[in-house]
Amino acid sequence: MDPNDFAHRVSGVAALAEPIRRDLYLYVAAQPGPVSRDQACEGVGVARHTAKFHLDKLVEEGLLDADFKRLSGRRGPGAGRPTKLYRRSTRQVSVTLPERRYDLAGQLMARAIDDSTRDRIDVVDALHTVAADVGTRLGEQAREDAGTRPDRERLVEAACAALAVRGYEPHRQGDAITLANCPFDALARDHPELVCGMNLALIDAAIGRMEDTSLTAHLDPAPDRCCVVLSTG
């Protein structure tokens, strides 16, 4: 995970650690429409100025959206000032430690099922093809990030950085690079052959686009890490 993205996610989750703020968020989220400060303070049972402070903090964190509307429905002079209304934002916040990417696994498998149904091909073959497509794009971006005419060491570093952002946690040990974390851990425990094959297809395609790294990917399952190991020899 990118450090800035990680900090942003943690900040969003941490905003809900404060009990009043959490109660206000849950209250707003449970309502069928936008909520005013008066409605929020009454619903949660806090003072209006307290509700205002925490509601605006939730807006700052992107957990609530706010806009203004005249509740009377009238316009023009004498219509009164618009009321600030709050509603749950569309921002999704999650933090998993170690990092998990079940959203990516779901996207890969959904695409594979669609392709298998449409093209009448084996669903596992379709999954490997889809994973390789994602891996290819990952490798192309890593190759670009490596800069102009990079040496072999810079390419390996770029490959490791790209895998780290996807949650794999690469560790170099001599000529081997182990991936200390599997982003699909729970799925891999229940469906090791399926998920390990998907991982291998993705990672193999990624390093295949790096050029001149001499990296190879192979399956070497072991507890508490990804089933794929990279060799640089």
C-alpha atoms as a PDB file:
ATOM      1  CA  MET A   1       0.000   0.000   0.000  1.00  0.00           C
ATOM      2  CA  ASP A   2       1.247   3.467  -0.840  1.00  0.00           C
ATOM      3  CA  PRO A   3       2.255   5.193   2.441  1.00  0.00           C
ATOM      4  CA  ASN A   4       0.106   8.247   1.693  1.00  0.00           C
ATOM      5  CA  ASP A   5      -2.899   6.088   0.877  1.00  0.00           C
ATOM      6  CA  PHE A   6      -2.319   4.067   4.041  1.00  0.00           C
ATOM      7  CA  ALA A   7      -2.169   7.227   6.157  1.00  0.00           C
ATOM      8  CA  HIS A   8      -5.354   8.518   4.523  1.00  0.00           C
ATOM      9  CA  ARG A   9      -7.207   5.281   5.256  1.00  0.00           C
ATOM     10  CA  VAL A  10      -6.001   5.113   8.854  1.00  0.00           C
ATOM     11  CA  SER A  11      -7.025   8.720   9.404  1.00  0.00           C
ATOM     12  CA  GLY A  12     -10.515   7.933   8.161  1.00  0.00           C
ATOM     13  CA  VAL A  13     -10.884   4.938  10.454  1.00  0.00           C
ATOM     14  CA  ALA A  14      -9.323   6.794  13.403  1.00  0.00           C
ATOM     15  CA  ALA A  15     -11.908   9.563  13.026  1.00  0.00           C
ATOM     16  CA  LEU A  16     -14.529   7.069  14.180  1.00  0.00           C
ATOM     17  CA  ALA A  17     -12.642   6.119  17.337  1.00  0.00           C
ATOM     18  CA  GLU A  18     -14.164   9.132  19.142  1.00  0.00           C
ATOM     19  CA  PRO A  19     -17.499   7.856  20.596  1.00  0.00           C
ATOM     20  CA  ILE A  20     -19.657  10.908  19.853  1.00  0.00           C
ATOM     21  CA  ARG A  21     -18.272  11.193  16.327  1.00  0.00           C
ATOM     22  CA  ARG A  22     -18.908   7.503  15.741  1.00  0.00           C
ATOM     23  CA  ASP A  23     -22.483   7.800  17.034  1.00  0.00           C
ATOM     24  CA  LEU A  24     -23.134  10.780  14.773  1.00  0.00           C
ATOM     25  CA  TYR A  25     -21.767   8.947  11.747  1.00  0.00           C
ATOM     26  CA  LEU A  26     -23.921   5.898  12.454  1.00  0.00           C
ATOM     27  CA  TYR A  27     -26.975   8.094  13.028  1.00  0.00           C
ATOM     28  CA  VAL A  28     -26.528   9.979   9.746  1.00  0.00           C
ATOM     29  CA  ALA A  29     -25.853   6.756   7.845  1.00  0.00           C
ATOM     30  CA  ALA A  30     -29.040   5.175   9.191  1.00  0.00           C
ATOM     31  CA  GLN A  31     -31.338   8.006   8.033  1.00  0.00           C
ATOM     32  CA  PRO A  32     -33.244   7.816   4.727  1.00  0.00           C
ATOM     33  CA  GLY A  33     -32.220  11.360   3.755  1.00  0.00           C
ATOM     34  CA  PRO A  34     -29.800  14.184   4.630  1.00  0.00           C
ATOM     35  CA  VAL A  35     -29.697  15.254   8.292  1.00  0.00           C
ATOM     36  CA  SER A  36     -29.455  18.739   9.794  1.00  0.00           C
ATOM     37  CA  ARG A  37     -27.364  19.605  12.833  1.00  0.00           C
ATOM     38  CA  ASP A  38     -30.514  19.957  14.935  1.00  0.00           C
ATOM     39  CA  GLN A  39     -31.713  16.508  13.884  1.00  0.00           C
ATOM     40  CA  ALA A  40     -28.286  15.010  14.567  1.00  0.00           C
ATOM     41  CA  CYS A  41     -27.865  16.517  18.025  1.00  0.00           C
ATOM     42  CA  GLU A  42     -31.373  15.399  18.989  1.00  0.00           C
ATOM     43  CA  GLY A  43     -30.884  11.933  17.534  1.00  0.00           C
ATOM     44  CA  VAL A  44     -27.616  11.328  19.380  1.00  0.00           C
ATOM     45  CA  GLY A  45     -28.415  13.367  22.486  1.00  0.00           C
ATOM     46  CA  VAL A  46     -25.580  15.902  22.443  1.00  0.00           C
ATOM     47  CA  ALA A  47     -25.391  19.680  22.418  1.00  0.00           C
ATOM     48  CA  ARG A  48     -25.779  21.382  19.042  1.00  0.00           C
ATOM     49  CA  HIS A  49     -22.285  22.923  19.110  1.00  0.00           C
ATOM     50  CA  THR A  50     -20.837  19.475  19.882  1.00  0.00           C
ATOM     51  CA  ALA A  51     -22.729  17.921  16.988  1.00  0.00           C
ATOM     52  CA  LYS A  52     -21.555  20.721  14.673  1.00  0.00           C
ATOM     53  CA  PHE A  53     -17.901  20.185  15.599  1.00  0.00           C
ATOM     54  CA  HIS A  54     -17.925  16.424  15.048  1.00  0.00           C
ATOM     55  CA  LEU A  55     -20.103  16.498  11.934  1.00  0.00           C
ATOM     56  CA  ASP A  56     -17.722  18.937  10.284  1.00  0.00           C
ATOM     57  CA  LYS A  57     -14.765  16.777  11.282  1.00  0.00           C
ATOM     58  CA  LEU A  58     -16.441  13.846   9.555  1.00  0.00           C
ATOM     59  CA  VAL A  59     -16.835  15.997   6.451  1.00  0.00           C
ATOM     60  CA  GLU A  60     -13.117  16.883   6.601  1.00  0.00           C
ATOM     61  CA  GLU A  61     -12.269  13.177   6.663  1.00  0.00           C
ATOM     62  CA  GLY A  62     -14.511  12.519   3.679  1.00  0.00           C
ATOM     63  CA  LEU A  63     -16.845  10.247   5.632  1.00  0.00           C
ATOM     64  CA  LEU A  64     -19.810  12.609   5.311  1.00  0.00           C
ATOM     65  CA  ASP A  65     -20.859  14.960   2.523  1.00  0.00           C
ATOM     66  CA  ALA A  66     -22.514  18.282   3.276  1.00  0.00           C
ATOM     67  CA  ASP A  67     -24.562  20.745   1.266  1.00  0.00           C
ATOM     68  CA  PHE A  68     -27.022  23.553   1.926  1.00  0.00           C
ATOM     69  CA  LYS A  69     -30.760  23.584   1.308  1.00  0.00           C
ATOM     70  CA  ARG A  70     -33.709  25.765   2.337  1.00  0.00           C
ATOM     71  CA  LEU A  71     -35.979  23.373   4.197  1.00  0.00           C
ATOM     72  CA  SER A  72     -38.968  25.709   3.768  1.00  0.00           C
ATOM     73  CA  GLY A  73     -38.843  25.224   0.016  1.00  0.00           C
ATOM     74  CA  ARG A  74     -39.200  28.975  -0.486  1.00  0.00           C
ATOM     75  CA  ARG A  75     -36.824  31.134  -2.539  1.00  0.00           C
ATOM     76  CA  GLY A  76     -35.873  34.761  -2.679  1.00  0.00           C
ATOM     77  CA  PRO A  77     -36.006  37.437   0.040  1.00  0.00           C
ATOM     78  CA  GLY A  78     -37.520  36.267   3.280  1.00  0.00           C
ATOM     79  CA  ALA A  79     -36.945  32.609   2.479  1.00  0.00           C
ATOM     80  CA  GLY A  80     -34.421  32.279   5.318  1.00  0.00           C
ATOM     81  CA  ARG A  81     -30.895  30.970   5.372  1.00  0.00           C
ATOM     82  CA  PRO A  82     -30.153  27.561   3.865  1.00  0.00           C
ATOM     83  CA  THR A  83     -29.647  24.722   6.349  1.00  0.00           C
ATOM     84  CA  LYS A  84     -26.456  22.660   6.284  1.00  0.00           C
ATOM     85  CA  LEU A  85     -27.350  19.022   5.723  1.00  0.00           C
ATOM     86  CA  TYR A  86     -25.178  15.956   6.133  1.00  0.00           C
ATOM     87  CA  ARG A  87     -25.305  12.562   4.462  1.00  0.00           C
ATOM     88  CA  ARG A  88     -22.984   9.589   4.267  1.00  0.00           C
ATOM     89  CA  SER A  89     -20.363   9.973   1.544  1.00  0.00           C
ATOM     90  CA  THR A  90     -19.556   7.355  -1.067  1.00  0.00           C
ATOM     91  CA  ARG A  91     -15.972   7.059   0.193  1.00  0.00           C
ATOM     92  CA  GLN A  92     -15.092   3.523   1.245  1.00  0.00           C
ATOM     93  CA  VAL A  93     -12.576   3.142   4.068  1.00  0.00           C
ATOM     94  CA  SER A  94     -10.906  -0.074   5.123  1.00  0.00           C
ATOM     95  CA  VAL A  95      -7.596  -0.988   6.719  1.00  0.00           C
ATOM     96  CA  THR A  96      -6.373  -4.567   6.990  1.00  0.00           C
ATOM     97  CA  LEU A  97      -3.107  -5.546   8.616  1.00  0.00           C
ATOM     98  CA  PRO A  98      -1.465  -7.364   6.946  1.00  0.00           C
ATOM     99  CA  GLU A  99      -2.920  -5.888   3.773  1.00  0.00           C
ATOM    100  CA  ARG A 100      -5.553  -7.918   1.982  1.00  0.00           C
ATOM    101  CA  ARG A 101      -6.852  -7.276  -1.537  1.00  0.00           C
ATOM    102  CA  TYR A 102     -10.007  -9.328  -1.755  1.00  0.00           C
ATOM    103  CA  ASP A 103     -11.479  -6.594  -3.956  1.00  0.00           C
ATOM    104  CA  LEU A 104      -8.844  -7.379  -6.587  1.00  0.00           C
ATOM    105  CA  ALA A 105      -9.455 -11.112  -6.291  1.00  0.00           C
ATOM    106  CA  GLY A 106     -13.183 -10.515  -6.728  1.00  0.00           C
ATOM    107  CA  GLN A 107     -12.606  -8.383  -9.822  1.00  0.00           C
ATOM    108  CA  LEU A 108     -10.313 -11.004 -11.370  1.00  0.00           C
ATOM    109  CA  MET A 109     -12.708 -13.850 -10.693  1.00  0.00           C
ATOM    110  CA  ALA A 110     -15.745 -11.911 -11.918  1.00  0.00           C
ATOM    111  CA  ARG A 111     -13.973 -11.060 -15.181  1.00  0.00           C
ATOM    112  CA  ALA A 112     -12.882 -14.677 -15.550  1.00  0.00           C
ATOM    113  CA  ILE A 113     -16.428 -15.968 -15.094  1.00  0.00           C
ATOM    114  CA  ASP A 114     -17.732 -13.466 -17.666  1.00  0.00           C
ATOM    115  CA  ASP A 115     -15.020 -14.453 -20.152  1.00  0.00           C
ATOM    116  CA  SER A 116     -15.557 -18.152 -19.535  1.00  0.00           C
ATOM    117  CA  THR A 117     -19.300 -17.853 -20.095  1.00  0.00           C
ATOM    118  CA  ARG A 118     -18.974 -15.651 -23.171  1.00  0.00           C
ATOM    119  CA  ASP A 119     -16.127 -17.523 -24.880  1.00  0.00           C
ATOM    120  CA  ARG A 120     -16.980 -21.006 -23.577  1.00  0.00           C
ATOM    121  CA  ILE A 121     -13.514 -21.607 -22.191  1.00  0.00           C
ATOM    122  CA  ASP A 122     -12.344 -23.227 -18.971  1.00  0.00           C
ATOM    123  CA  VAL A 123     -12.896 -20.813 -16.090  1.00  0.00           C
ATOM    124  CA  VAL A 124      -9.455 -21.471 -14.573  1.00  0.00           C
ATOM    125  CA  ASP A 125      -7.777 -20.759 -17.916  1.00  0.00           C
ATOM    126  CA  ALA A 126      -9.830 -17.580 -18.112  1.00  0.00           C
ATOM    127  CA  LEU A 127      -8.721 -16.597 -14.591  1.00  0.00           C
ATOM    128  CA  HIS A 128      -5.053 -17.079 -15.486  1.00  0.00           C
ATOM    129  CA  THR A 129      -5.506 -14.966 -18.620  1.00  0.00           C
ATOM    130  CA  VAL A 130      -7.223 -12.174 -16.699  1.00  0.00           C
ATOM    131  CA  ALA A 131      -4.590 -12.268 -13.943  1.00  0.00           C
ATOM    132  CA  ALA A 132      -1.826 -12.146 -16.555  1.00  0.00           C
ATOM    133  CA  ASP A 133      -3.480  -9.111 -18.145  1.00  0.00           C
ATOM    134  CA  VAL A 134      -3.467  -7.273 -14.808  1.00  0.00           C
ATOM    135  CA  GLY A 135       0.124  -8.392 -14.203  1.00  0.00           C
ATOM    136  CA  THR A 136       1.204  -7.122 -17.615  1.00  0.00           C
ATOM    137  CA  ARG A 137      -0.165  -3.663 -16.881  1.00  0.00           C
ATOM    138  CA  LEU A 138       1.507  -3.744 -13.474  1.00  0.00           C
ATOM    139  CA  GLY A 139       4.841  -4.647 -15.073  1.00  0.00           C
ATOM    140  CA  GLU A 140       4.526  -1.954 -17.719  1.00  0.00           C
ATOM    141  CA  GLN A 141       3.927   0.682 -15.053  1.00  0.00           C
ATOM    142  CA  ALA A 142       6.870  -0.607 -13.005  1.00  0.00           C
ATOM    143  CA  ARG A 143       9.092  -0.518 -16.097  1.00  0.00           C
ATOM    144  CA  GLU A 144       8.086   3.092 -16.698  1.00  0.00           C
ATOM    145  CA  ASP A 145       8.737   3.959 -13.046  1.00  0.00           C
ATOM    146  CA  ALA A 146      12.254   2.535 -13.357  1.00  0.00           C
ATOM    147  CA  GLY A 147      13.193   5.462 -15.597  1.00  0.00           C
ATOM    148  CA  THR A 148      15.201   5.748 -18.788  1.00  0.00           C
ATOM    149  CA  ARG A 149      17.770   3.029 -19.457  1.00  0.00           C
ATOM    150  CA  PRO A 150      17.738   1.569 -15.924  1.00  0.00           C
ATOM    151  CA  ASP A 151      20.264  -1.061 -14.929  1.00  0.00           C
ATOM    152  CA  ARG A 152      19.249  -4.517 -13.750  1.00  0.00           C
ATOM    153  CA  GLU A 153      19.288  -3.546 -10.064  1.00  0.00           C
ATOM    154  CA  ARG A 154      16.962  -0.604 -10.661  1.00  0.00           C
ATOM    155  CA  LEU A 155      14.552  -2.838 -12.566  1.00  0.00           C
ATOM    156  CA  VAL A 156      14.474  -5.367  -9.742  1.00  0.00           C
ATOM    157  CA  GLU A 157      13.840  -2.569  -7.245  1.00  0.00           C
ATOM    158  CA  ALA A 158      10.988  -1.241  -9.404  1.00  0.00           C
ATOM    159  CA  ALA A 159       9.459  -4.716  -9.640  1.00  0.00           C
ATOM    160  CA  CYS A 160       9.635  -5.110  -5.857  1.00  0.00           C
ATOM    161  CA  ALA A 161       8.112  -1.661  -5.335  1.00  0.00           C
ATOM    162  CA  ALA A 162       5.201  -2.499  -7.637  1.00  0.00           C
ATOM    163  CA  LEU A 163       4.532  -5.758  -5.793  1.00  0.00           C
ATOM    164  CA  ALA A 164       4.816  -3.980  -2.438  1.00  0.00           C
ATOM    165  CA  VAL A 165       2.093  -1.499  -3.427  1.00  0.00           C
ATOM    166  CA  ARG A 166      -0.157  -4.491  -4.201  1.00  0.00           C
ATOM    167  CA  GLY A 167       0.450  -5.865  -0.701  1.00  0.00           C
ATOM    168  CA  TYR A 168       2.916  -8.683  -1.446  1.00  0.00           C
ATOM    169  CA  GLU A 169       5.688  -7.381   0.875  1.00  0.00           C
ATOM    170  CA  PRO A 170       8.748  -8.567  -1.121  1.00  0.00           C
ATOM    171  CA  HIS A 171      11.888  -9.432   0.863  1.00  0.00           C
ATOM    172  CA  ARG A 172      15.214 -10.001  -0.885  1.00  0.00           C
ATOM    173  CA  GLN A 173      17.375 -12.805   0.482  1.00  0.00           C
ATOM    174  CA  GLY A 174      20.400 -13.389  -1.699  1.00  0.00           C
ATOM    175  CA  ASP A 175      19.202 -14.418  -5.157  1.00  0.00           C
ATOM    176  CA  ALA A 176      15.632 -15.053  -3.967  1.00  0.00           C
ATOM    177  CA  ILE A 177      12.769 -12.664  -3.370  1.00  0.00           C
ATOM    178  CA  THR A 178      10.100 -14.012  -1.065  1.00  0.00           C
ATOM    179  CA  LEU A 179       6.711 -12.369  -0.778  1.00  0.00           C
ATOM    180  CA  ALA A 180       6.016 -12.178   2.935  1.00  0.00           C
ATOM    181  CA  ASN A 181       2.308 -11.490   2.546  1.00  0.00           C
ATOM    182  CA  CYS A 182      -0.452 -12.979   0.419  1.00  0.00           C
ATOM    183  CA  PRO A 183      -3.065 -10.317  -0.394  1.00  0.00           C
ATOM    184  CA  PHE A 184      -5.610 -13.118  -0.846  1.00  0.00           C
ATOM    185  CA  ASP A 185      -4.742 -15.063   2.296  1.00  0.00           C
ATOM    186  CA  ALA A 186      -8.168 -16.386   3.345  1.00  0.00           C
ATOM    187  CA  LEU A 187      -9.014 -17.416  -0.212  1.00  0.00           C
ATOM    188  CA  ALA A 188      -5.637 -19.091  -0.614  1.00  0.00           C
ATOM    189  CA  ARG A 189      -6.170 -21.127   2.548  1.00  0.00           C
ATOM    190  CA  ASP A 190      -9.513 -22.452   1.304  1.00  0.00           C
ATOM    191  CA  HIS A 191      -8.660 -22.696  -2.405  1.00  0.00           C
ATOM    192  CA  PRO A 192      -4.854 -22.948  -2.632  1.00  0.00           C
ATOM    193  CA  GLU A 193      -4.580 -24.378  -6.141  1.00  0.00           C
ATOM    194  CA  LEU A 194      -6.921 -21.793  -7.637  1.00  0.00           C
ATOM    195  CA  VAL A 195      -5.493 -18.754  -5.858  1.00  0.00           C
ATOM    196  CA  CYS A 196      -1.835 -19.767  -6.132  1.00  0.00           C
ATOM    197  CA  GLY A 197      -2.274 -20.280  -9.860  1.00  0.00           C
ATOM    198  CA  MET A 198      -3.853 -16.831 -10.118  1.00  0.00           C
ATOM    199  CA  ASN A 199      -0.973 -15.301  -8.144  1.00  0.00           C
ATOM    200  CA  LEU A 200       1.632 -16.985 -10.313  1.00  0.00           C
ATOM    201  CA  ALA A 201      -0.029 -15.840 -13.537  1.00  0.00           C
ATOM    202  CA  LEU A 202      -0.211 -12.240 -12.294  1.00  0.00           C
ATOM    203  CA  ILE A 203       3.337 -12.032 -10.941  1.00  0.00           C
ATOM    204  CA  ASP A 204       4.930 -13.924 -13.838  1.00  0.00           C
ATOM    205  CA  ALA A 205       3.305 -11.557 -16.334  1.00  0.00           C
ATOM    206  CA  ALA A 206       4.416  -8.533 -14.307  1.00  0.00           C
ATOM    207  CA  ILE A 207       8.089  -9.462 -14.198  1.00  0.00           C
ATOM    208  CA  GLY A 208       7.916 -10.549 -17.827  1.00  0.00           C
ATOM    209  CA  ARG A 209       7.289  -6.922 -18.818  1.00  0.00           C
ATOM    210  CA  MET A 210      10.232  -5.588 -16.831  1.00  0.00           C
ATOM    211  CA  GLU A 211      12.940  -6.696 -19.315  1.00  0.00           C
ATOM    212  CA  ASP A 212      16.487  -7.671 -18.370  1.00  0.00           C
ATOM    213  CA  THR A 213      15.799  -8.416 -14.705  1.00  0.00           C
ATOM    214  CA  SER A 214      16.561 -12.151 -14.994  1.00  0.00           C
ATOM    215  CA  LEU A 215      13.679 -12.620 -12.554  1.00  0.00           C
ATOM    216  CA  THR A 216      11.747 -15.865 -12.679  1.00  0.00           C
ATOM    217  CA  ALA A 217       8.628 -16.754 -10.727  1.00  0.00           C
ATOM    218  CA  HIS A 218       7.746 -20.205  -9.451  1.00  0.00           C
ATOM    219  CA  LEU A 219       5.440 -21.804  -6.910  1.00  0.00           C
ATOM    220  CA  ASP A 220       7.009 -22.683  -3.574  1.00  0.00           C
ATOM    221  CA  PRO A 221       4.187 -22.717  -0.992  1.00  0.00           C
ATOM    222  CA  ALA A 222       5.082 -22.215   2.665  1.00  0.00           C
ATOM    223  CA  PRO A 223       3.194 -21.050   5.757  1.00  0.00           C
ATOM    224  CA  ASP A 224       2.661 -17.336   6.395  1.00  0.00           C
ATOM    225  CA  ARG A 225       3.727 -16.011   3.000  1.00  0.00           C
ATOM    226  CA  CYS A 226       2.719 -15.926  -0.649  1.00  0.00           C
ATOM    227  CA  CYS A 227       3.067 -19.176  -2.551  1.00  0.00           C
ATOM    228  CA  VAL A 228       5.130 -17.471  -5.282  1.00  0.00           C
ATOM    229  CA  VAL A 229       8.879 -16.979  -4.947  1.00  0.00           C
ATOM    230  CA  LEU A 230      11.051 -14.937  -7.325  1.00  0.00           C
ATOM    231  CA  SER A 231      14.627 -15.875  -8.236  1.00  0.00           C
ATOM    232  CA  THR A 232      17.117 -13.329  -9.532  1.00  0.00           C
ATOM    233  CA  GLY A 233      19.905 -15.705 -10.446  1.00  0.00           C
END
